[in-house]
Protein backbone atom coordinates (compact mmCIF):
# COMPACT_ATOMS: atom_id res chain seq x y z
CA MET A 1 79.10 -14.75 45.35
CA LEU A 2 77.51 -17.08 42.82
CA GLU A 3 79.09 -17.34 39.41
CA LEU A 4 75.68 -17.38 37.66
CA ARG A 5 76.68 -19.74 34.86
CA PRO A 6 75.02 -18.88 31.55
CA ASN A 7 73.78 -22.29 30.40
CA CYS A 8 72.43 -25.69 31.32
CA GLU A 9 75.45 -27.94 31.57
CA LEU A 10 73.46 -30.85 30.13
CA CYS A 11 71.38 -29.51 27.20
CA ASP A 12 73.21 -26.16 26.75
CA ARG A 13 70.01 -24.11 27.04
CA ASP A 14 70.64 -20.44 27.81
CA LEU A 15 70.03 -19.53 31.46
CA PRO A 16 70.41 -15.76 31.81
CA PRO A 17 70.85 -14.24 35.28
CA ALA A 18 67.10 -13.73 35.75
CA ALA A 19 66.13 -17.25 34.63
CA GLN A 20 63.56 -18.62 37.04
CA ASP A 21 64.13 -22.19 35.90
CA ALA A 22 67.87 -22.42 36.64
CA ARG A 23 68.85 -25.08 39.17
CA ILE A 24 72.19 -25.40 40.98
CA CYS A 25 73.94 -27.75 43.37
CA THR A 26 76.14 -26.64 46.25
CA TYR A 27 79.11 -26.47 43.84
CA GLU A 28 77.13 -24.33 41.37
CA CYS A 29 76.75 -27.00 38.70
CA THR A 30 73.91 -25.45 36.70
CA TYR A 31 70.98 -27.08 34.91
CA CYS A 32 67.62 -26.03 33.52
CA ALA A 33 64.55 -27.22 35.43
CA PRO A 34 63.49 -29.74 32.74
CA CYS A 35 66.91 -31.46 32.82
CA ALA A 36 67.09 -31.26 36.63
CA ASP A 37 63.63 -32.77 37.04
CA THR A 38 63.35 -35.32 34.24
CA VAL A 39 66.87 -36.43 33.34
CA LEU A 40 68.74 -35.87 36.60
CA LYS A 41 65.79 -36.43 38.97
CA ASN A 42 67.23 -33.89 41.44
CA VAL A 43 70.67 -35.53 41.49
CA CYS A 44 73.77 -33.52 40.56
CA PRO A 45 75.84 -35.89 38.39
CA THR A 46 79.06 -34.42 39.79
CA CYS A 47 78.57 -34.34 43.57
CA GLY A 48 75.39 -36.38 44.03
CA GLY A 49 73.69 -33.55 45.90
CA GLY A 50 70.28 -32.06 45.26
CA LEU A 51 69.46 -29.26 42.85
CA GLN A 52 67.79 -26.06 44.05
CA PRO A 53 66.43 -22.96 42.32
CA ARG A 54 69.29 -20.56 41.62
CA PRO A 55 68.82 -17.18 43.31
CA ILE A 56 68.35 -14.21 41.02
CA ARG A 57 70.89 -11.43 41.44
CA PRO A 58 69.19 -8.01 41.35
CA ALA A 59 69.90 -6.01 38.22
CA ASN A 60 70.03 -2.75 40.18
CA ALA A 61 72.31 -1.64 42.98
CA TRP A 62 69.51 -0.85 45.43
CA ARG A 63 72.13 0.23 47.97
CA PRO A 64 74.56 2.08 45.69
CA GLU A 65 77.12 2.52 48.47
CA LEU A 66 77.58 -1.27 48.49
CA LYS A 67 78.10 -1.49 44.72
CA LEU A 68 75.99 -4.62 44.35
CA GLY A 69 73.79 -5.85 41.49
CA LEU A 70 74.56 -7.22 38.05
CA ALA A 71 76.12 -3.98 36.84
CA ASN A 72 78.85 -4.33 39.47
CA HIS A 73 78.99 -8.14 39.63
CA PRO A 74 78.05 -9.50 36.20
CA ALA A 75 77.13 -13.11 35.53
CA SER A 76 79.72 -15.42 34.02
CA ASP A 77 79.84 -15.80 30.25
CA ARG A 78 81.88 -19.01 30.39
CA ARG A 79 79.70 -21.85 29.12
CA ARG A 80 80.20 -25.21 30.79
CA HIS A 81 79.20 -28.71 29.81
CA THR A 82 79.00 -31.79 31.96
CA PRO A 83 82.05 -34.05 31.68
CA TRP A 84 79.88 -37.11 32.39
CA SER A 85 78.61 -39.53 29.76
CA ALA A 86 74.95 -40.49 29.59
CA ASP A 87 75.83 -43.86 31.14
CA GLN A 88 77.68 -42.21 34.02
CA ILE A 89 74.74 -39.86 34.62
CA ASP A 90 72.25 -42.74 34.52
CA TRP A 91 74.37 -44.69 37.02
CA ILE A 92 74.46 -41.96 39.67
CA VAL A 93 70.83 -40.92 39.12
CA GLU A 94 69.68 -44.52 39.50
CA ARG A 95 71.76 -44.93 42.63
CA LEU A 96 70.74 -41.69 44.39
CA SER A 97 67.37 -40.47 43.09
CA SER A 98 65.42 -42.40 45.72
CA VAL A 99 67.57 -41.01 48.55
CA PRO A 100 66.47 -37.57 49.79
CA PRO A 101 69.22 -34.94 49.29
CA HIS A 102 69.62 -34.38 53.04
CA GLU A 103 70.45 -38.07 53.46
CA ARG A 104 73.01 -38.33 50.66
């Protein structure tokens, strides 16, 4: 199950569970759409993979017998920040942004 990280790891913008502009890589590194599109150019600075819209976990347990939804599986409240410097981010973005994610 996704961790649903609460913030953009680059600009620290809040990204609540229902945020439609949250983007994640396959390792769940989380960014807001403006950072993902303009700064990172669809390149995760950690793994080099692409960034996709993060799914939204339903607030309600629509099948109560399964105990799903945010009430039973809340989003993380642990804020994370990228460990990479601006130069390190620029290096990987420059190297990979012209390569489609499925070819990285």
